[in-house]
Protein backbone atom coordinates (compact mmCIF):
# COMPACT_ATOMS: atom_id res chain seq x y z
CA MET A 1 49.73 8.00 36.40
CA ASP A 2 50.06 4.22 36.44
CA PRO A 3 47.44 2.57 34.23
CA ASN A 4 47.34 -0.38 36.65
CA GLY A 5 45.86 1.97 39.20
CA LEU A 6 42.85 2.50 36.90
CA ILE A 7 42.19 -1.22 36.47
CA ALA A 8 39.58 -2.58 38.84
CA PRO A 9 40.69 -5.16 41.49
CA VAL A 10 39.84 -8.83 41.18
CA ASN A 11 36.32 -9.62 42.25
CA GLU A 12 36.45 -11.90 45.29
CA LEU A 13 33.18 -13.59 44.14
CA GLY A 14 35.16 -15.04 41.18
CA TYR A 15 33.75 -16.31 37.94
CA PRO A 16 30.35 -18.01 38.13
CA ALA A 17 31.31 -20.56 35.48
CA PRO A 18 34.48 -22.11 34.09
CA PHE A 19 36.58 -19.84 31.87
CA TRP A 20 36.03 -22.02 28.78
CA PHE A 21 32.29 -21.71 29.29
CA LEU A 22 32.51 -17.91 29.44
CA ILE A 23 34.70 -17.75 26.37
CA PHE A 24 32.54 -20.13 24.37
CA PHE A 25 29.28 -18.19 24.93
CA ARG A 26 30.98 -14.83 24.48
CA VAL A 27 32.27 -15.90 21.06
CA LEU A 28 29.03 -17.66 20.11
CA GLY A 29 26.92 -14.74 21.23
CA PHE A 30 29.12 -12.29 19.38
CA THR A 31 28.93 -14.38 16.18
CA LEU A 32 25.12 -14.54 16.35
CA HIS A 33 25.06 -10.76 16.97
CA LEU A 34 27.45 -9.96 14.16
CA LEU A 35 25.18 -11.29 11.40
CA PRO A 36 22.23 -8.87 11.94
CA MET A 37 24.54 -6.10 13.23
CA ASN A 38 26.46 -6.12 9.97
CA LEU A 39 23.20 -5.50 8.14
CA TRP A 40 22.54 -2.39 10.19
CA TYR A 41 26.06 -1.14 9.69
CA ALA A 42 26.52 -1.69 5.98
CA GLY A 43 23.14 -2.94 4.87
CA THR A 44 21.15 0.17 5.74
CA ILE A 45 23.41 2.55 3.82
CA THR A 46 23.65 0.03 0.93
CA ALA A 47 19.85 -0.17 0.72
CA MET A 48 19.50 3.59 0.75
CA LEU A 49 22.10 3.95 -2.04
CA LEU A 50 20.43 1.22 -4.11
CA GLY A 51 17.18 3.06 -3.66
CA LEU A 52 18.67 5.78 -5.85
CA SER A 53 19.41 3.32 -8.67
CA ARG A 54 17.54 3.34 -11.96
CA VAL A 55 17.63 -0.45 -12.00
CA PRO A 56 14.15 -1.71 -10.89
CA GLU A 57 15.53 -4.84 -9.26
CA ALA A 58 18.03 -2.86 -7.23
CA ARG A 59 15.29 -0.55 -6.01
CA ARG A 60 13.18 -3.59 -5.20
CA PHE A 61 15.92 -5.08 -3.05
CA SER A 62 16.31 -1.70 -1.31
CA ALA A 63 12.58 -1.71 -0.47
CA ARG A 64 12.69 -5.31 0.67
CA LEU A 65 15.70 -4.91 2.95
CA MET A 66 14.42 -1.72 4.52
CA SER A 67 11.00 -3.33 5.10
CA GLN A 68 12.76 -6.23 6.83
CA MET A 69 15.15 -4.01 8.77
CA PRO A 70 12.89 -3.42 11.86
CA PHE A 71 12.95 -7.19 12.46
CA ILE A 72 16.67 -7.47 11.76
CA ILE A 73 17.40 -4.70 14.26
CA ALA A 74 15.21 -6.38 16.91
CA PHE A 75 17.02 -9.69 16.45
CA GLY A 76 20.42 -7.99 16.62
CA VAL A 77 19.63 -6.09 19.79
CA ASN A 78 18.36 -9.22 21.56
CA LEU A 79 21.27 -11.30 20.29
CA GLY A 80 23.66 -8.57 21.42
CA ILE A 81 22.69 -9.12 25.08
CA VAL A 82 24.70 -12.35 25.32
CA PRO A 83 28.15 -11.11 24.23
CA LEU A 84 27.70 -7.90 26.20
CA LEU A 85 26.77 -9.91 29.33
CA PHE A 86 29.82 -12.16 29.06
CA LEU A 87 32.05 -9.21 28.22
CA GLN A 88 31.03 -7.60 31.49
CA VAL A 89 31.55 -10.83 33.38
CA MET A 90 35.00 -11.56 31.97
CA GLY A 91 36.28 -8.04 31.26
CA TYR A 92 34.82 -6.16 34.24
CA ARG A 93 38.20 -5.00 35.39
CA VAL A 94 38.77 -2.98 32.17
CA PHE A 95 35.29 -2.66 30.56
CA TYR A 96 33.83 -0.35 33.23
CA SER A 97 36.96 1.82 33.51
CA ALA A 98 37.05 2.32 29.72
CA THR A 99 33.39 3.13 29.39
CA ILE A 100 33.51 5.52 32.37
CA LEU A 101 36.27 7.48 30.60
CA MET A 102 33.86 7.87 27.60
CA ALA A 103 30.67 7.76 29.57
CA TRP A 104 28.60 10.32 27.64
CA GLN A 105 29.35 8.67 24.31
CA TRP A 106 28.62 5.21 25.73
CA LEU A 107 25.31 6.27 27.30
CA SER A 108 24.33 8.06 24.09
CA VAL A 109 24.22 4.74 22.27
CA ILE A 110 20.83 3.98 23.79
CA ALA A 111 19.32 7.24 22.55
CA LEU A 112 21.00 6.95 19.14
CA LEU A 113 19.80 3.37 18.67
CA CYS A 114 16.21 4.34 19.56
CA LEU A 115 16.31 7.22 17.05
CA ALA A 116 17.75 4.93 14.38
CA TYR A 117 15.11 2.32 15.09
CA TYR A 118 12.31 4.84 14.83
CA GLY A 119 13.78 6.19 11.64
CA VAL A 120 13.82 2.74 10.08
CA TYR A 121 10.22 2.13 11.18
CA ILE A 122 9.13 5.42 9.62
CA TYR A 123 10.82 4.58 6.35
CA ALA A 124 9.50 0.94 6.35
CA VAL A 125 5.91 2.07 7.10
CA GLY A 126 6.15 4.54 4.27
CA LEU A 127 7.27 1.78 1.91
CA ARG A 128 4.26 -0.36 2.87
CA THR A 129 1.71 2.42 2.67
CA VAL A 130 2.71 4.61 -0.31
CA GLY A 131 5.67 2.79 -1.89
CA MET A 132 9.24 3.97 -2.57
CA ASP A 133 8.38 6.44 -5.33
CA ALA A 134 5.75 8.31 -3.29
CA LEU A 135 7.75 8.62 -0.06
CA ALA A 136 7.67 12.11 1.47
CA ARG A 137 10.95 13.89 1.95
CA TRP A 138 10.81 13.51 5.71
CA GLN A 139 10.31 9.76 5.27
CA ARG A 140 13.34 9.51 3.00
CA ALA A 141 15.29 11.65 5.42
CA SER A 142 14.46 9.26 8.23
CA GLY A 143 16.04 6.38 6.30
CA TRP A 144 19.26 8.33 5.60
CA LEU A 145 19.39 9.52 9.19
CA SER A 146 19.13 5.92 10.47
CA ALA A 147 21.96 4.84 8.16
CA LEU A 148 24.10 7.70 9.48
CA LEU A 149 23.22 6.92 13.15
CA PHE A 150 24.18 3.27 12.75
CA ILE A 151 27.61 4.41 11.53
CA VAL A 152 27.96 6.80 14.48
CA ILE A 153 26.98 3.90 16.86
CA ALA A 154 29.62 1.79 15.23
CA VAL A 155 32.25 4.54 15.81
CA ILE A 156 31.31 4.64 19.49
CA PHE A 157 31.45 0.83 19.94
CA HIS A 158 34.78 0.58 18.17
CA SER A 159 36.07 3.43 20.30
CA ALA A 160 34.93 1.64 23.48
CA MET A 161 36.45 -1.73 22.54
CA LEU A 162 39.69 -0.08 21.39
CA THR A 163 39.98 1.89 24.62
CA MET A 164 39.15 -1.17 26.76
CA ALA A 165 41.95 -3.21 25.14
CA GLU A 166 44.57 -0.45 25.64
CA PRO A 167 44.80 0.39 29.37
CA GLY A 168 48.11 2.08 28.66
CA SER A 169 46.22 4.93 27.00
CA TRP A 170 43.96 5.57 30.00
CA PRO A 171 46.24 7.94 32.01
CA ALA A 172 46.47 10.36 29.07
CA LEU A 173 42.74 10.12 28.42
CA ALA A 174 41.99 10.73 32.07
CA GLU A 175 44.22 13.82 32.14
CA GLN A 176 42.78 15.24 28.93
CA SER A 177 39.18 14.75 29.95
CA GLY A 178 39.25 15.30 33.70
CA ARG A 179 40.59 17.31 36.55
CA ALA A 180 41.81 16.58 40.10
CA ALA A 181 41.39 12.79 39.74
CA ALA A 182 37.82 13.18 38.48
CA VAL A 183 36.96 12.40 34.91
CA TYR A 184 34.24 14.09 32.90
CA GLY A 185 33.34 11.10 30.74
CA THR A 186 34.22 12.91 27.52
CA ALA A 187 37.28 10.90 26.43
CA HIS A 188 37.31 9.43 22.96
CA ALA A 189 39.59 7.55 20.55
CA LEU A 190 38.82 9.64 17.50
CA GLY A 191 42.49 10.68 17.18
CA ASN A 192 43.65 7.08 17.23
CA THR A 193 44.45 5.90 13.68
CA ALA A 194 43.70 2.28 14.71
CA LEU A 195 40.03 3.31 15.22
CA TRP A 196 39.56 4.27 11.58
CA THR A 197 41.52 1.36 10.11
CA ARG A 198 39.53 -0.99 12.36
CA MET A 199 36.30 0.74 11.19
CA LEU A 200 37.28 0.24 7.56
CA PHE A 201 38.16 -3.40 8.20
CA PHE A 202 34.79 -4.11 9.87
CA LEU A 203 32.95 -2.07 7.24
CA GLY A 204 34.35 -4.41 4.56
CA LEU A 205 33.30 -7.41 6.69
CA ALA A 206 29.81 -5.97 7.07
CA MET A 207 29.57 -5.42 3.38
CA THR A 208 30.41 -9.05 2.70
CA THR A 209 27.56 -10.04 5.02
CA THR A 210 25.21 -7.67 3.18
CA ALA A 211 26.28 -9.17 -0.16
CA ALA A 212 25.60 -12.71 1.14
CA TYR A 213 22.22 -11.53 2.39
CA VAL A 214 21.35 -10.22 -1.13
CA ALA A 215 21.81 -13.76 -2.42
CA PHE A 216 19.97 -15.22 0.53
CA ASP A 217 17.01 -12.88 -0.04
CA GLY A 218 16.76 -13.95 -3.63
CA ALA A 219 17.16 -17.66 -2.86
CA VAL A 220 15.01 -18.07 0.20
CA LEU A 221 12.76 -15.03 0.80
CA ALA A 222 11.74 -13.90 -2.63
CA GLY A 223 9.55 -16.82 -3.63
CA ARG A 224 6.78 -14.43 -4.75
CA GLU A 225 9.13 -12.06 -6.59
CA SER A 226 9.75 -12.08 -10.29
CA SER A 227 12.34 -14.32 -11.88
CA GLU A 228 14.11 -11.14 -13.03
CA TYR A 229 14.57 -10.04 -9.43
CA ARG A 230 15.88 -13.42 -8.30
CA SER A 231 18.24 -13.46 -11.26
CA TRP A 232 19.45 -9.96 -10.37
CA THR A 233 20.31 -11.03 -6.83
CA ARG A 234 22.43 -13.90 -8.12
CA GLY A 235 24.28 -11.57 -10.43
CA PHE A 236 24.70 -8.59 -8.05
CA ALA A 237 25.66 -10.53 -4.92
CA PRO A 238 29.02 -11.93 -6.16
CA LYS A 239 30.03 -8.58 -7.70
CA PHE A 240 29.22 -6.69 -4.54
CA TYR A 241 30.91 -9.33 -2.42
CA THR A 242 34.05 -9.01 -4.51
CA PHE A 243 34.10 -5.26 -3.92
CA ALA A 244 33.50 -5.81 -0.22
CA VAL A 245 36.39 -8.23 0.03
CA LEU A 246 38.68 -5.58 -1.43
CA VAL A 247 37.53 -3.13 1.26
CA TYR A 248 37.90 -5.87 3.90
CA ALA A 249 41.44 -6.71 2.67
CA GLY A 250 42.57 -3.12 2.44
CA GLY A 251 41.19 -2.22 5.85
CA GLY A 252 42.67 -5.38 7.37
CA LEU A 253 46.14 -4.62 5.98
CA LEU A 254 46.05 -1.03 7.31
CA TYR A 255 44.71 -2.21 10.67
CA ALA A 256 47.32 -4.97 11.06
CA ALA A 257 50.13 -2.55 10.05
CA GLY A 258 49.37 -0.51 13.16
CA TRP A 259 49.66 -3.38 15.65
CA GLU A 260 52.42 -3.44 18.20
CA PRO A 261 55.28 -5.78 17.25
CA GLY A 262 54.48 -8.10 20.15
CA LEU A 263 50.83 -8.42 19.10
CA ARG A 264 51.78 -9.06 15.45
CA GLU A 265 54.23 -11.75 16.50
CA TYR A 266 51.65 -13.37 18.74
CA MET A 267 48.91 -13.41 16.07
CA SER A 268 51.32 -14.97 13.51
CA SER A 269 52.89 -17.48 15.92
CA GLY A 270 53.05 -21.14 15.02
CA SER A 271 50.11 -22.23 17.09
CA LEU A 272 47.77 -19.39 15.95
CA LEU A 273 48.95 -19.01 12.35
CA PRO A 274 46.57 -21.63 10.87
CA LEU A 275 43.58 -20.17 12.70
CA ASN A 276 44.35 -16.62 11.70
CA LEU A 277 44.98 -17.66 8.08
CA LEU A 278 41.56 -19.29 8.03
CA THR A 279 40.10 -16.13 9.57
CA VAL A 280 41.69 -13.89 6.96
CA LEU A 281 40.62 -16.20 4.12
CA GLY A 282 37.19 -16.91 5.65
CA PRO A 283 35.23 -14.65 3.29
CA GLY A 284 36.75 -16.50 0.37
CA LEU A 285 34.36 -19.47 0.77
CA PRO A 286 31.10 -17.41 0.50
CA LEU A 287 32.64 -15.52 -2.41
CA LEU A 288 33.45 -18.82 -4.18
CA ILE A 289 29.93 -20.14 -3.54
CA LEU A 290 28.36 -16.97 -4.94
CA TRP A 291 30.46 -16.96 -8.16
CA LEU A 292 30.09 -20.68 -8.82
CA GLY A 293 26.44 -20.72 -7.87
CA ARG A 294 25.18 -17.85 -9.99
CA ASN A 295 22.86 -20.34 -11.77
CA VAL A 296 22.08 -22.32 -8.62
CA PRO A 297 19.00 -20.96 -6.76
CA ALA A 298 20.05 -22.47 -3.41
CA ALA A 299 23.53 -20.89 -3.51
CA GLY A 300 22.32 -17.93 -1.54
CA LEU A 301 21.43 -20.08 1.47
CA TRP A 302 24.81 -21.82 1.44
CA ALA A 303 26.57 -18.50 1.05
CA LEU A 304 24.91 -17.11 4.14
CA ILE A 305 25.80 -20.25 6.13
CA ALA A 306 29.43 -19.90 4.98
CA GLN A 307 29.32 -16.24 5.93
CA PHE A 308 28.20 -17.17 9.47
CA LEU A 309 31.21 -19.52 9.72
CA ALA A 310 33.50 -16.72 8.53
CA LEU A 311 32.08 -14.39 11.17
CA GLY A 312 32.64 -17.11 13.81
CA LEU A 313 36.33 -17.23 12.87
CA GLN A 314 36.54 -13.48 13.14
CA ALA A 315 34.97 -13.67 16.63
CA VAL A 316 37.51 -16.29 17.82
CA SER A 317 40.49 -14.34 16.48
CA ARG A 318 39.15 -11.12 17.94
CA GLN A 319 38.92 -12.67 21.37
CA LEU A 320 42.44 -14.08 21.21
CA MET A 321 43.75 -10.71 20.10
CA GLN A 322 42.00 -8.91 22.87
CA ASN A 323 43.32 -11.32 25.46
CA GLN A 324 46.84 -10.71 24.25
CA GLN A 325 46.41 -6.93 24.31
CA LEU A 326 45.36 -7.08 27.94
CA ALA A 327 48.04 -9.64 28.94
CA PRO A 328 50.60 -6.98 30.08
CA TYR A 329 48.04 -5.66 32.56
CA LEU A 330 45.94 -8.57 33.69
CA ASP A 331 45.22 -12.24 33.09
CA ILE A 332 41.47 -12.55 32.50
CA ALA A 333 41.67 -16.33 33.03
CA ALA A 334 43.18 -16.00 36.52
CA ASP A 335 40.02 -15.09 38.48
CA PRO A 336 38.94 -17.80 40.97
CA LEU A 337 36.10 -20.07 40.04
CA LYS A 338 33.08 -20.12 42.30
CA MET A 339 30.37 -22.00 40.46
CA GLN A 340 26.83 -20.65 40.66
CA ILE A 341 24.78 -23.57 39.45
CA GLY A 342 21.35 -21.89 39.79
CA PRO A 343 22.10 -18.78 37.70
CA LEU A 344 24.08 -20.93 35.24
CA ALA A 345 21.11 -23.29 34.70
CA MET A 346 18.73 -20.33 34.35
CA PHE A 347 20.98 -18.82 31.68
CA LEU A 348 21.23 -22.05 29.66
CA VAL A 349 17.44 -22.59 29.77
CA SER A 350 16.78 -18.95 28.85
CA PHE A 351 19.41 -19.05 26.09
CA VAL A 352 18.04 -22.21 24.47
CA ALA A 353 14.44 -21.03 24.89
CA GLY A 354 15.31 -17.63 23.49
CA LEU A 355 16.96 -19.12 20.40
CA GLY A 356 13.97 -21.38 19.97
CA VAL A 357 11.58 -18.37 20.04
CA LEU A 358 13.79 -16.40 17.64
CA GLY A 359 13.99 -19.43 15.35
CA TRP A 360 10.18 -19.74 15.35
CA ILE A 361 9.83 -15.97 14.62
CA ILE A 362 12.33 -16.18 11.76
CA ALA A 363 10.49 -19.18 10.32
CA ARG A 364 7.21 -17.22 10.38
CA LEU A 365 8.94 -14.18 8.81
CA VAL A 366 10.43 -16.34 6.08
CA GLU A 367 6.99 -17.78 5.39
CA ALA A 368 5.49 -14.27 5.34
CA ASN A 369 8.21 -12.96 3.05
CA ARG A 370 7.68 -15.76 0.61
CA LYS A 371 3.99 -14.81 0.54
CA GLY A 372 4.87 -11.19 -0.07
CA VAL A 373 3.64 -9.86 3.28
CA VAL A 374 6.85 -8.46 4.74
CA SER A 375 8.40 -7.64 1.41
CA GLY A 376 6.00 -4.70 0.96
CA GLU A 377 3.72 -6.09 -1.69
């Protein structure tokens, strides 16, 4: 079976906006989504583990983050709409084919996310009503279940993106999970080593975001907390970030070792080498800020800003890599341009207005946190 036969034909309607516009908002949207998404992926399990600690400040952060998590999830879901929208616009020829091959997993994300969301709410409500020490077993179990479900969701998303970028694997997947030219939607990439090395790499990246958020919480959100708690965040954040960087580096090396020679050569080519070096070293800036700013209260804010920039570099490099992986099969920049001014204007207005509303909500949440409302006091 020729994989090109499974790739959708070019849409005669063309792109509704210039290619640079689509790329820009896909990368920007993905970066905005990565920040809260990393806190679901690594932050939830980290908070649950810290909740087992005998250190009061560690348990306090666990309670604070899990109390904030319903809002973080809501922000992440809404911010995830933009990159998914532009992924479907630009990658429609491969996105739909890949997700049809693994349809049941892909559709299950909605149910899994709802269950994880409810689990976080149950845990957070328990924290606010009875406190961490008095949580019932079923309330504690809901927190652990949510942490597990977020990891499962991450596996499915990584599997989908990996499958989408490798059309050459589709014929084998179709034959293994279908019959007589009909697929059952049960394909998966669980046997692909790249899935697990990629997962490890992104787990390390998510852990760095969680570490930066620890410092941010102590610097910006914990105005009503004790000085001991704020001091603990400044001491724990750089240590945890250092450990996270080791996971990030180890996962990245294993992941890159599995690249095809052509992809490795492309990503290290002269024009892309500086960008990819900056991407690889991106987490170094937040780490430096956290270590040097252990006695500087505002360091947590600057560390989170630096982390956002590091995530942006990751989003840019990820897009370039994906384009190169698809290059043997299609040129995503080759679709004709047929401008649609009306929908484009509506998107821009909605995007700016949406960011404004989210900014206002975040400002109110920061104010509430500093007064001890959201932090569970």
